[in-house]
PDB file of N, CA and C in Angstrom:
ATOM      1  N   MET A   1      37.298 -10.912  59.176  1.00  0.00           N
ATOM      2  CA  MET A   1      38.100 -12.039  58.726  1.00  0.00           C
ATOM      3  C   MET A   1      38.436 -12.885  59.942  1.00  0.00           C
ATOM      4  N   ASP A   2      37.995 -14.123  59.948  1.00  0.00           N
ATOM      5  CA  ASP A   2      38.150 -14.989  61.111  1.00  0.00           C
ATOM      6  C   ASP A   2      39.597 -15.318  61.444  1.00  0.00           C
ATOM      7  N   ASP A   3      40.419 -15.538  60.438  1.00  0.00           N
ATOM      8  CA  ASP A   3      41.806 -15.916  60.681  1.00  0.00           C
ATOM      9  C   ASP A   3      42.759 -14.755  60.401  1.00  0.00           C
ATOM     10  N   ALA A   4      42.379 -13.565  60.795  1.00  0.00           N
ATOM     11  CA  ALA A   4      43.183 -12.367  60.552  1.00  0.00           C
ATOM     12  C   ALA A   4      44.518 -12.464  61.281  1.00  0.00           C
ATOM     13  N   PRO A   5      45.580 -12.008  60.632  1.00  0.00           N
ATOM     14  CA  PRO A   5      46.890 -11.986  61.279  1.00  0.00           C
ATOM     15  C   PRO A   5      46.935 -10.924  62.373  1.00  0.00           C
ATOM     16  N   GLU A   6      47.955 -10.990  63.201  1.00  0.00           N
ATOM     17  CA  GLU A   6      48.131  -9.995  64.265  1.00  0.00           C
ATOM     18  C   GLU A   6      48.704  -8.696  63.732  1.00  0.00           C
ATOM     19  N   LYS A   7      49.391  -8.776  62.588  1.00  0.00           N
ATOM     20  CA  LYS A   7      49.964  -7.563  62.012  1.00  0.00           C
ATOM     21  C   LYS A   7      49.807  -7.563  60.503  1.00  0.00           C
ATOM     22  N   VAL A   8      49.771  -6.357  59.965  1.00  0.00           N
ATOM     23  CA  VAL A   8      49.743  -6.132  58.528  1.00  0.00           C
ATOM     24  C   VAL A   8      50.830  -5.107  58.227  1.00  0.00           C
ATOM     25  N   PHE A   9      51.037  -4.807  56.949  1.00  0.00           N
ATOM     26  CA  PHE A   9      52.189  -4.003  56.565  1.00  0.00           C
ATOM     27  C   PHE A   9      51.794  -2.861  55.635  1.00  0.00           C
ATOM     28  N   LYS A  10      52.510  -1.746  55.806  1.00  0.00           N
ATOM     29  CA  LYS A  10      52.337  -0.594  54.920  1.00  0.00           C
ATOM     30  C   LYS A  10      53.691  -0.263  54.322  1.00  0.00           C
ATOM     31  N   ILE A  11      53.716  -0.142  53.005  1.00  0.00           N
ATOM     32  CA  ILE A  11      54.929   0.241  52.297  1.00  0.00           C
ATOM     33  C   ILE A  11      54.862   1.744  52.068  1.00  0.00           C
ATOM     34  N   LEU A  12      55.892   2.433  52.520  1.00  0.00           N
ATOM     35  CA  LEU A  12      55.922   3.894  52.422  1.00  0.00           C
ATOM     36  C   LEU A  12      57.151   4.357  51.650  1.00  0.00           C
ATOM     37  N   ARG A  13      56.972   5.399  50.886  1.00  0.00           N
ATOM     38  CA  ARG A  13      58.109   6.085  50.288  1.00  0.00           C
ATOM     39  C   ARG A  13      58.738   6.934  51.396  1.00  0.00           C
ATOM     40  N   PRO A  14      60.024   7.295  51.255  1.00  0.00           N
ATOM     41  CA  PRO A  14      60.683   8.056  52.321  1.00  0.00           C
ATOM     42  C   PRO A  14      59.929   9.327  52.735  1.00  0.00           C
ATOM     43  N   ALA A  15      59.405  10.075  51.781  1.00  0.00           N
ATOM     44  CA  ALA A  15      58.682  11.311  52.115  1.00  0.00           C
ATOM     45  C   ALA A  15      57.404  11.015  52.895  1.00  0.00           C
ATOM     46  N   GLU A  16      56.755   9.893  52.590  1.00  0.00           N
ATOM     47  CA  GLU A  16      55.536   9.505  53.311  1.00  0.00           C
ATOM     48  C   GLU A  16      55.869   9.113  54.746  1.00  0.00           C
ATOM     49  N   HIS A  17      56.965   8.390  54.907  1.00  0.00           N
ATOM     50  CA  HIS A  17      57.393   8.012  56.256  1.00  0.00           C
ATOM     51  C   HIS A  17      57.741   9.255  57.067  1.00  0.00           C
ATOM     52  N   ALA A  18      58.354  10.236  56.417  1.00  0.00           N
ATOM     53  CA  ALA A  18      58.703  11.488  57.092  1.00  0.00           C
ATOM     54  C   ALA A  18      57.453  12.205  57.600  1.00  0.00           C
ATOM     55  N   VAL A  19      56.356  12.143  56.845  1.00  0.00           N
ATOM     56  CA  VAL A  19      55.091  12.752  57.285  1.00  0.00           C
ATOM     57  C   VAL A  19      54.620  12.095  58.576  1.00  0.00           C
ATOM     58  N   LEU A  20      54.645  10.776  58.627  1.00  0.00           N
ATOM     59  CA  LEU A  20      54.232  10.059  59.837  1.00  0.00           C
ATOM     60  C   LEU A  20      55.105  10.450  61.021  1.00  0.00           C
ATOM     61  N   GLU A  21      56.407  10.504  60.814  1.00  0.00           N
ATOM     62  CA  GLU A  21      57.311  10.853  61.908  1.00  0.00           C
ATOM     63  C   GLU A  21      57.142  12.306  62.345  1.00  0.00           C
ATOM     64  N   ARG A  22      56.961  13.199  61.411  1.00  0.00           N
ATOM     65  CA  ARG A  22      56.872  14.621  61.749  1.00  0.00           C
ATOM     66  C   ARG A  22      55.531  15.010  62.368  1.00  0.00           C
ATOM     67  N   TYR A  23      54.434  14.498  61.795  1.00  0.00           N
ATOM     68  CA  TYR A  23      53.106  14.939  62.219  1.00  0.00           C
ATOM     69  C   TYR A  23      52.366  13.946  63.109  1.00  0.00           C
ATOM     70  N   GLY A  24      52.938  12.756  63.292  1.00  0.00           N
ATOM     71  CA  GLY A  24      52.304  11.775  64.170  1.00  0.00           C
ATOM     72  C   GLY A  24      51.078  11.115  63.569  1.00  0.00           C
ATOM     73  N   ARG A  25      50.966  11.155  62.244  1.00  0.00           N
ATOM     74  CA  ARG A  25      49.870  10.489  61.540  1.00  0.00           C
ATOM     75  C   ARG A  25      50.181  10.491  60.049  1.00  0.00           C
ATOM     76  N   PHE A  26      49.659   9.499  59.366  1.00  0.00           N
ATOM     77  CA  PHE A  26      49.800   9.435  57.916  1.00  0.00           C
ATOM     78  C   PHE A  26      48.460   9.006  57.356  1.00  0.00           C
ATOM     79  N   ALA A  27      47.816   9.906  56.617  1.00  0.00           N
ATOM     80  CA  ALA A  27      46.471   9.657  56.099  1.00  0.00           C
ATOM     81  C   ALA A  27      46.480   8.933  54.759  1.00  0.00           C
ATOM     82  N   GLY A  28      47.660   8.715  54.195  1.00  0.00           N
ATOM     83  CA  GLY A  28      47.739   7.927  52.977  1.00  0.00           C
ATOM     84  C   GLY A  28      48.455   8.604  51.834  1.00  0.00           C
ATOM     85  N   SER A  29      48.825   7.778  50.879  1.00  0.00           N
ATOM     86  CA  SER A  29      49.460   8.236  49.645  1.00  0.00           C
ATOM     87  C   SER A  29      48.384   8.823  48.727  1.00  0.00           C
ATOM     88  N   PRO A  30      48.787   9.416  47.613  1.00  0.00           N
ATOM     89  CA  PRO A  30      47.769   9.877  46.660  1.00  0.00           C
ATOM     90  C   PRO A  30      46.827   8.749  46.215  1.00  0.00           C
ATOM     91  N   ASP A  31      47.360   7.544  46.028  1.00  0.00           N
ATOM     92  CA  ASP A  31      46.491   6.407  45.667  1.00  0.00           C
ATOM     93  C   ASP A  31      45.507   6.092  46.785  1.00  0.00           C
ATOM     94  N   ASP A  32      45.991   6.127  48.026  1.00  0.00           N
ATOM     95  CA  ASP A  32      45.112   5.871  49.173  1.00  0.00           C
ATOM     96  C   ASP A  32      44.005   6.919  49.243  1.00  0.00           C
ATOM     97  N   GLU A  33      44.398   8.178  49.090  1.00  0.00           N
ATOM     98  CA  GLU A  33      43.416   9.265  49.162  1.00  0.00           C
ATOM     99  C   GLU A  33      42.369   9.125  48.058  1.00  0.00           C
ATOM    100  N   ARG A  34      42.811   8.746  46.871  1.00  0.00           N
ATOM    101  CA  ARG A  34      41.883   8.548  45.745  1.00  0.00           C
ATOM    102  C   ARG A  34      40.870   7.445  46.053  1.00  0.00           C
ATOM    103  N   ASP A  35      41.347   6.364  46.683  1.00  0.00           N
ATOM    104  CA  ASP A  35      40.489   5.208  46.947  1.00  0.00           C
ATOM    105  C   ASP A  35      39.694   5.322  48.244  1.00  0.00           C
ATOM    106  N   GLY A  36      40.045   6.272  49.103  1.00  0.00           N
ATOM    107  CA  GLY A  36      39.281   6.497  50.327  1.00  0.00           C
ATOM    108  C   GLY A  36      39.700   5.644  51.508  1.00  0.00           C
ATOM    109  N   PHE A  37      40.839   4.976  51.397  1.00  0.00           N
ATOM    110  CA  PHE A  37      41.362   4.168  52.500  1.00  0.00           C
ATOM    111  C   PHE A  37      42.862   3.976  52.300  1.00  0.00           C
ATOM    112  N   VAL A  38      43.544   3.578  53.363  1.00  0.00           N
ATOM    113  CA  VAL A  38      44.976   3.303  53.299  1.00  0.00           C
ATOM    114  C   VAL A  38      45.156   1.834  52.911  1.00  0.00           C
ATOM    115  N   HIS A  39      45.837   1.614  51.808  1.00  0.00           N
ATOM    116  CA  HIS A  39      46.121   0.257  51.326  1.00  0.00           C
ATOM    117  C   HIS A  39      47.189  -0.395  52.199  1.00  0.00           C
ATOM    118  N   LEU A  40      46.901  -1.577  52.690  1.00  0.00           N
ATOM    119  CA  LEU A  40      47.846  -2.348  53.489  1.00  0.00           C
ATOM    120  C   LEU A  40      48.004  -3.720  52.846  1.00  0.00           C
ATOM    121  N   SER A  41      48.948  -4.500  53.340  1.00  0.00           N
ATOM    122  CA  SER A  41      49.187  -5.847  52.821  1.00  0.00           C
ATOM    123  C   SER A  41      49.451  -6.804  53.966  1.00  0.00           C
ATOM    124  N   THR A  42      49.095  -8.058  53.755  1.00  0.00           N
ATOM    125  CA  THR A  42      49.519  -9.097  54.690  1.00  0.00           C
ATOM    126  C   THR A  42      50.964  -9.445  54.360  1.00  0.00           C
ATOM    127  N   ARG A  43      51.565 -10.228  55.227  1.00  0.00           N
ATOM    128  CA  ARG A  43      52.934 -10.691  55.008  1.00  0.00           C
ATOM    129  C   ARG A  43      53.070 -11.316  53.613  1.00  0.00           C
ATOM    130  N   GLU A  44      52.115 -12.153  53.250  1.00  0.00           N
ATOM    131  CA  GLU A  44      52.164 -12.860  51.975  1.00  0.00           C
ATOM    132  C   GLU A  44      51.914 -11.949  50.773  1.00  0.00           C
ATOM    133  N   GLN A  45      51.323 -10.796  50.988  1.00  0.00           N
ATOM    134  CA  GLN A  45      50.984  -9.888  49.892  1.00  0.00           C
ATOM    135  C   GLN A  45      52.035  -8.816  49.638  1.00  0.00           C
ATOM    136  N   VAL A  46      52.980  -8.640  50.566  1.00  0.00           N
ATOM    137  CA  VAL A  46      53.956  -7.551  50.435  1.00  0.00           C
ATOM    138  C   VAL A  46      54.749  -7.652  49.134  1.00  0.00           C
ATOM    139  N   ALA A  47      55.274  -8.824  48.809  1.00  0.00           N
ATOM    140  CA  ALA A  47      56.093  -8.972  47.595  1.00  0.00           C
ATOM    141  C   ALA A  47      55.300  -8.586  46.349  1.00  0.00           C
ATOM    142  N   GLY A  48      54.047  -8.998  46.258  1.00  0.00           N
ATOM    143  CA  GLY A  48      53.215  -8.647  45.114  1.00  0.00           C
ATOM    144  C   GLY A  48      52.933  -7.162  45.043  1.00  0.00           C
ATOM    145  N   THR A  49      52.722  -6.551  46.203  1.00  0.00           N
ATOM    146  CA  THR A  49      52.477  -5.106  46.250  1.00  0.00           C
ATOM    147  C   THR A  49      53.721  -4.341  45.815  1.00  0.00           C
ATOM    148  N   LEU A  50      54.889  -4.778  46.288  1.00  0.00           N
ATOM    149  CA  LEU A  50      56.143  -4.142  45.869  1.00  0.00           C
ATOM    150  C   LEU A  50      56.319  -4.254  44.358  1.00  0.00           C
ATOM    151  N   ALA A  51      56.069  -5.437  43.818  1.00  0.00           N
ATOM    152  CA  ALA A  51      56.252  -5.676  42.382  1.00  0.00           C
ATOM    153  C   ALA A  51      55.266  -4.884  41.529  1.00  0.00           C
ATOM    154  N   LYS A  52      54.065  -4.692  42.026  1.00  0.00           N
ATOM    155  CA  LYS A  52      53.039  -4.000  41.233  1.00  0.00           C
ATOM    156  C   LYS A  52      53.130  -2.476  41.322  1.00  0.00           C
ATOM    157  N   HIS A  53      53.457  -1.960  42.507  1.00  0.00           N
ATOM    158  CA  HIS A  53      53.348  -0.512  42.724  1.00  0.00           C
ATOM    159  C   HIS A  53      54.659   0.225  43.004  1.00  0.00           C
ATOM    160  N   PHE A  54      55.755  -0.495  43.259  1.00  0.00           N
ATOM    161  CA  PHE A  54      56.971   0.179  43.709  1.00  0.00           C
ATOM    162  C   PHE A  54      58.224  -0.243  42.937  1.00  0.00           C
ATOM    163  N   VAL A  55      58.074  -0.748  41.723  1.00  0.00           N
ATOM    164  CA  VAL A  55      59.216  -1.218  40.935  1.00  0.00           C
ATOM    165  C   VAL A  55      60.241  -0.101  40.749  1.00  0.00           C
ATOM    166  N   GLY A  56      61.493  -0.406  41.062  1.00  0.00           N
ATOM    167  CA  GLY A  56      62.585   0.535  40.854  1.00  0.00           C
ATOM    168  C   GLY A  56      62.712   1.623  41.899  1.00  0.00           C
ATOM    169  N   GLU A  57      61.801   1.664  42.865  1.00  0.00           N
ATOM    170  CA  GLU A  57      61.880   2.712  43.890  1.00  0.00           C
ATOM    171  C   GLU A  57      62.893   2.318  44.960  1.00  0.00           C
ATOM    172  N   LYS A  58      63.575   3.301  45.485  1.00  0.00           N
ATOM    173  CA  LYS A  58      64.633   3.076  46.473  1.00  0.00           C
ATOM    174  C   LYS A  58      64.208   3.561  47.852  1.00  0.00           C
ATOM    175  N   ASP A  59      64.872   3.026  48.858  1.00  0.00           N
ATOM    176  CA  ASP A  59      64.717   3.487  50.247  1.00  0.00           C
ATOM    177  C   ASP A  59      63.291   3.394  50.771  1.00  0.00           C
ATOM    178  N   LEU A  60      62.551   2.408  50.306  1.00  0.00           N
ATOM    179  CA  LEU A  60      61.191   2.223  50.806  1.00  0.00           C
ATOM    180  C   LEU A  60      61.220   1.797  52.265  1.00  0.00           C
ATOM    181  N   VAL A  61      60.193   2.183  52.988  1.00  0.00           N
ATOM    182  CA  VAL A  61      60.048   1.824  54.398  1.00  0.00           C
ATOM    183  C   VAL A  61      58.842   0.899  54.512  1.00  0.00           C
ATOM    184  N   VAL A  62      59.046  -0.265  55.115  1.00  0.00           N
ATOM    185  CA  VAL A  62      57.941  -1.193  55.343  1.00  0.00           C
ATOM    186  C   VAL A  62      57.686  -1.233  56.842  1.00  0.00           C
ATOM    187  N   LEU A  63      56.485  -0.829  57.230  1.00  0.00           N
ATOM    188  CA  LEU A  63      56.111  -0.818  58.640  1.00  0.00           C
ATOM    189  C   LEU A  63      55.173  -1.972  58.947  1.00  0.00           C
ATOM    190  N   ALA A  64      55.431  -2.627  60.073  1.00  0.00           N
ATOM    191  CA  ALA A  64      54.502  -3.626  60.602  1.00  0.00           C
ATOM    192  C   ALA A  64      53.518  -2.878  61.483  1.00  0.00           C
ATOM    193  N   LEU A  65      52.237  -3.131  61.290  1.00  0.00           N
ATOM    194  CA  LEU A  65      51.182  -2.434  62.022  1.00  0.00           C
ATOM    195  C   LEU A  65      50.319  -3.431  62.779  1.00  0.00           C
ATOM    196  N   SER A  66      49.900  -3.048  63.966  1.00  0.00           N
ATOM    197  CA  SER A  66      49.061  -3.895  64.808  1.00  0.00           C
ATOM    198  C   SER A  66      47.618  -3.890  64.325  1.00  0.00           C
ATOM    199  N   VAL A  67      47.119  -5.076  64.008  1.00  0.00           N
ATOM    200  CA  VAL A  67      45.720  -5.210  63.608  1.00  0.00           C
ATOM    201  C   VAL A  67      44.807  -4.794  64.761  1.00  0.00           C
ATOM    202  N   ALA A  68      45.141  -5.215  65.970  1.00  0.00           N
ATOM    203  CA  ALA A  68      44.314  -4.895  67.141  1.00  0.00           C
ATOM    204  C   ALA A  68      44.223  -3.390  67.366  1.00  0.00           C
ATOM    205  N   ALA A  69      45.318  -2.669  67.139  1.00  0.00           N
ATOM    206  CA  ALA A  69      45.331  -1.221  67.369  1.00  0.00           C
ATOM    207  C   ALA A  69      44.443  -0.467  66.381  1.00  0.00           C
ATOM    208  N   MET A  70      44.149  -1.071  65.245  1.00  0.00           N
ATOM    209  CA  MET A  70      43.311  -0.415  64.241  1.00  0.00           C
ATOM    210  C   MET A  70      41.827  -0.597  64.518  1.00  0.00           C
ATOM    211  N   GLY A  71      41.478  -1.604  65.264  1.00  0.00           N
ATOM    212  CA  GLY A  71      40.079  -1.828  65.613  1.00  0.00           C
ATOM    213  C   GLY A  71      39.174  -1.925  64.402  1.00  0.00           C
ATOM    214  N   ASP A  72      37.998  -1.311  64.505  1.00  0.00           N
ATOM    215  CA  ASP A  72      36.988  -1.373  63.444  1.00  0.00           C
ATOM    216  C   ASP A  72      37.350  -0.560  62.203  1.00  0.00           C
ATOM    217  N   ALA A  73      38.417   0.253  62.302  1.00  0.00           N
ATOM    218  CA  ALA A  73      38.835   1.035  61.136  1.00  0.00           C
ATOM    219  C   ALA A  73      39.480   0.152  60.068  1.00  0.00           C
ATOM    220  N   LEU A  74      39.855  -1.078  60.437  1.00  0.00           N
ATOM    221  CA  LEU A  74      40.460  -2.012  59.492  1.00  0.00           C
ATOM    222  C   LEU A  74      39.387  -2.920  58.910  1.00  0.00           C
ATOM    223  N   ARG A  75      39.345  -2.972  57.590  1.00  0.00           N
ATOM    224  CA  ARG A  75      38.385  -3.850  56.908  1.00  0.00           C
ATOM    225  C   ARG A  75      39.141  -4.732  55.917  1.00  0.00           C
ATOM    226  N   TRP A  76      38.633  -5.948  55.750  1.00  0.00           N
ATOM    227  CA  TRP A  76      39.211  -6.898  54.794  1.00  0.00           C
ATOM    228  C   TRP A  76      38.308  -6.926  53.572  1.00  0.00           C
ATOM    229  N   GLU A  77      38.865  -6.487  52.428  1.00  0.00           N
ATOM    230  CA  GLU A  77      38.057  -6.352  51.225  1.00  0.00           C
ATOM    231  C   GLU A  77      38.765  -6.976  50.023  1.00  0.00           C
ATOM    232  N   PRO A  78      37.983  -7.526  49.082  1.00  0.00           N
ATOM    233  CA  PRO A  78      38.595  -8.144  47.905  1.00  0.00           C
ATOM    234  C   PRO A  78      39.300  -7.114  47.033  1.00  0.00           C
ATOM    235  N   SER A  79      40.429  -7.536  46.497  1.00  0.00           N
ATOM    236  CA  SER A  79      41.194  -6.686  45.599  1.00  0.00           C
ATOM    237  C   SER A  79      41.855  -7.578  44.565  1.00  0.00           C
ATOM    238  N   ARG A  80      43.127  -7.387  44.320  1.00  0.00           N
ATOM    239  CA  ARG A  80      43.892  -8.116  43.317  1.00  0.00           C
ATOM    240  C   ARG A  80      43.563  -9.608  43.291  1.00  0.00           C
ATOM    241  N   GLY A  81      43.037 -10.091  42.197  1.00  0.00           N
ATOM    242  CA  GLY A  81      42.760 -11.511  42.052  1.00  0.00           C
ATOM    243  C   GLY A  81      41.728 -12.053  43.022  1.00  0.00           C
ATOM    244  N   GLY A  82      40.905 -11.173  43.592  1.00  0.00           N
ATOM    245  CA  GLY A  82      39.889 -11.613  44.541  1.00  0.00           C
ATOM    246  C   GLY A  82      40.408 -11.863  45.941  1.00  0.00           C
ATOM    247  N   GLN A  83      41.715 -11.671  46.156  1.00  0.00           N
ATOM    248  CA  GLN A  83      42.283 -11.835  47.496  1.00  0.00           C
ATOM    249  C   GLN A  83      41.721 -10.774  48.428  1.00  0.00           C
ATOM    250  N   LEU A  84      41.586 -11.131  49.693  1.00  0.00           N
ATOM    251  CA  LEU A  84      41.198 -10.138  50.693  1.00  0.00           C
ATOM    252  C   LEU A  84      42.430  -9.351  51.112  1.00  0.00           C
ATOM    253  N   PHE A  85      42.310  -8.049  51.039  1.00  0.00           N
ATOM    254  CA  PHE A  85      43.389  -7.155  51.448  1.00  0.00           C
ATOM    255  C   PHE A  85      42.921  -6.317  52.627  1.00  0.00           C
ATOM    256  N   PRO A  86      43.843  -5.977  53.532  1.00  0.00           N
ATOM    257  CA  PRO A  86      43.499  -5.090  54.637  1.00  0.00           C
ATOM    258  C   PRO A  86      43.466  -3.639  54.159  1.00  0.00           C
ATOM    259  N   HIS A  87      42.396  -2.950  54.493  1.00  0.00           N
ATOM    260  CA  HIS A  87      42.229  -1.536  54.159  1.00  0.00           C
ATOM    261  C   HIS A  87      41.921  -0.780  55.444  1.00  0.00           C
ATOM    262  N   LEU A  88      42.666   0.280  55.688  1.00  0.00           N
ATOM    263  CA  LEU A  88      42.471   1.094  56.886  1.00  0.00           C
ATOM    264  C   LEU A  88      41.667   2.333  56.522  1.00  0.00           C
ATOM    265  N   TYR A  89      40.496   2.475  57.133  1.00  0.00           N
ATOM    266  CA  TYR A  89      39.654   3.649  56.928  1.00  0.00           C
ATOM    267  C   TYR A  89      39.954   4.639  58.042  1.00  0.00           C
ATOM    268  N   GLY A  90      41.067   5.321  57.883  1.00  0.00           N
ATOM    269  CA  GLY A  90      41.563   6.265  58.865  1.00  0.00           C
ATOM    270  C   GLY A  90      43.055   6.418  58.649  1.00  0.00           C
ATOM    271  N   ALA A  91      43.690   7.176  59.510  1.00  0.00           N
ATOM    272  CA  ALA A  91      45.122   7.434  59.380  1.00  0.00           C
ATOM    273  C   ALA A  91      45.944   6.412  60.158  1.00  0.00           C
ATOM    274  N   ILE A  92      47.165   6.199  59.695  1.00  0.00           N
ATOM    275  CA  ILE A  92      48.126   5.412  60.464  1.00  0.00           C
ATOM    276  C   ILE A  92      48.647   6.311  61.575  1.00  0.00           C
ATOM    277  N   LEU A  93      48.603   5.807  62.787  1.00  0.00           N
ATOM    278  CA  LEU A  93      49.079   6.534  63.966  1.00  0.00           C
ATOM    279  C   LEU A  93      50.281   5.804  64.554  1.00  0.00           C
ATOM    280  N   PRO A  94      51.168   6.521  65.249  1.00  0.00           N
ATOM    281  CA  PRO A  94      52.326   5.860  65.854  1.00  0.00           C
ATOM    282  C   PRO A  94      51.949   4.699  66.776  1.00  0.00           C
ATOM    283  N   SER A  95      50.802   4.775  67.427  1.00  0.00           N
ATOM    284  CA  SER A  95      50.376   3.701  68.335  1.00  0.00           C
ATOM    285  C   SER A  95      50.086   2.394  67.596  1.00  0.00           C
ATOM    286  N   MET A  96      49.922   2.451  66.297  1.00  0.00           N
ATOM    287  CA  MET A  96      49.664   1.251  65.488  1.00  0.00           C
ATOM    288  C   MET A  96      50.953   0.577  65.025  1.00  0.00           C
ATOM    289  N   VAL A  97      52.047   1.331  65.041  1.00  0.00           N
ATOM    290  CA  VAL A  97      53.305   0.858  64.461  1.00  0.00           C
ATOM    291  C   VAL A  97      54.037  -0.070  65.425  1.00  0.00           C
ATOM    292  N   LEU A  98      54.281  -1.288  64.947  1.00  0.00           N
ATOM    293  CA  LEU A  98      55.035  -2.270  65.731  1.00  0.00           C
ATOM    294  C   LEU A  98      56.524  -2.179  65.442  1.00  0.00           C
ATOM    295  N   GLY A  99      56.868  -1.658  64.296  1.00  0.00           N
ATOM    296  CA  GLY A  99      58.273  -1.514  63.932  1.00  0.00           C
ATOM    297  C   GLY A  99      58.464  -1.516  62.433  1.00  0.00           C
ATOM    298  N   ARG A 100      59.691  -1.270  62.077  1.00  0.00           N
ATOM    299  CA  ARG A 100      60.101  -1.250  60.676  1.00  0.00           C
ATOM    300  C   ARG A 100      60.672  -2.623  60.333  1.00  0.00           C
ATOM    301  N   VAL A 101      60.377  -3.131  59.154  1.00  0.00           N
ATOM    302  CA  VAL A 101      60.870  -4.451  58.773  1.00  0.00           C
ATOM    303  C   VAL A 101      61.544  -4.410  57.402  1.00  0.00           C
ATOM    304  N   ASP A 102      62.448  -5.344  57.214  1.00  0.00           N
ATOM    305  CA  ASP A 102      63.112  -5.527  55.929  1.00  0.00           C
ATOM    306  C   ASP A 102      62.207  -6.415  55.077  1.00  0.00           C
ATOM    307  N   PRO A 103      61.832  -5.976  53.884  1.00  0.00           N
ATOM    308  CA  PRO A 103      60.944  -6.801  53.063  1.00  0.00           C
ATOM    309  C   PRO A 103      61.472  -8.218  52.834  1.00  0.00           C
ATOM    310  N   ALA A 104      62.787  -8.391  52.811  1.00  0.00           N
ATOM    311  CA  ALA A 104      63.369  -9.722  52.608  1.00  0.00           C
ATOM    312  C   ALA A 104      62.994 -10.674  53.741  1.00  0.00           C
ATOM    313  N   GLU A 105      62.753 -10.129  54.933  1.00  0.00           N
ATOM    314  CA  GLU A 105      62.373 -10.953  56.084  1.00  0.00           C
ATOM    315  C   GLU A 105      60.947 -11.481  55.952  1.00  0.00           C
ATOM    316  N   LEU A 106      60.176 -10.931  55.051  1.00  0.00           N
ATOM    317  CA  LEU A 106      58.777 -11.321  54.903  1.00  0.00           C
ATOM    318  C   LEU A 106      58.586 -12.446  53.890  1.00  0.00           C
ATOM    319  N   ASP A 107      59.669 -12.920  53.314  1.00  0.00           N
ATOM    320  CA  ASP A 107      59.568 -13.970  52.302  1.00  0.00           C
ATOM    321  C   ASP A 107      59.194 -15.327  52.874  1.00  0.00           C
ATOM    322  N   GLY A 108      59.520 -15.569  54.136  1.00  0.00           N
ATOM    323  CA  GLY A 108      59.245 -16.875  54.733  1.00  0.00           C
ATOM    324  C   GLY A 108      57.910 -16.909  55.437  1.00  0.00           C
ATOM    325  N   PRO A 109      57.575 -18.060  56.020  1.00  0.00           N
ATOM    326  CA  PRO A 109      56.312 -18.179  56.753  1.00  0.00           C
ATOM    327  C   PRO A 109      56.343 -17.391  58.055  1.00  0.00           C
ATOM    328  N   GLY A 110      55.191 -17.100  58.574  1.00  0.00           N
ATOM    329  CA  GLY A 110      55.092 -16.392  59.852  1.00  0.00           C
ATOM    330  C   GLY A 110      53.965 -15.400  59.814  1.00  0.00           C
ATOM    331  N   ASP A 111      53.779 -14.705  60.951  1.00  0.00           N
ATOM    332  CA  ASP A 111      52.698 -13.732  61.056  1.00  0.00           C
ATOM    333  C   ASP A 111      53.238 -12.351  60.818  1.00  0.00           C
TER     334      ASP A 111
END
């Protein structure tokens, strides 16, 4: 993707975030494992992902991840409505994590 952002986002349930913190890697949710890659979202896609897959869930963790740190393991593939979504073919590692973000902060423009 020529105009790829510098960061993408992963929405985690508390238990999934605990796996990353405890073991230093997160290979994905059951949905990710079924599909063979870790589902990620761009800033603009986070709200839609929350609405489609996480309705009513509490204490979700949204992590900003470095696109550069993922290297060739990150692929941009069509998904919902033909939009290109970031998919990680590998585990999320602490070295990829830029920080935790509040989903409300992602409503405006920016990278």
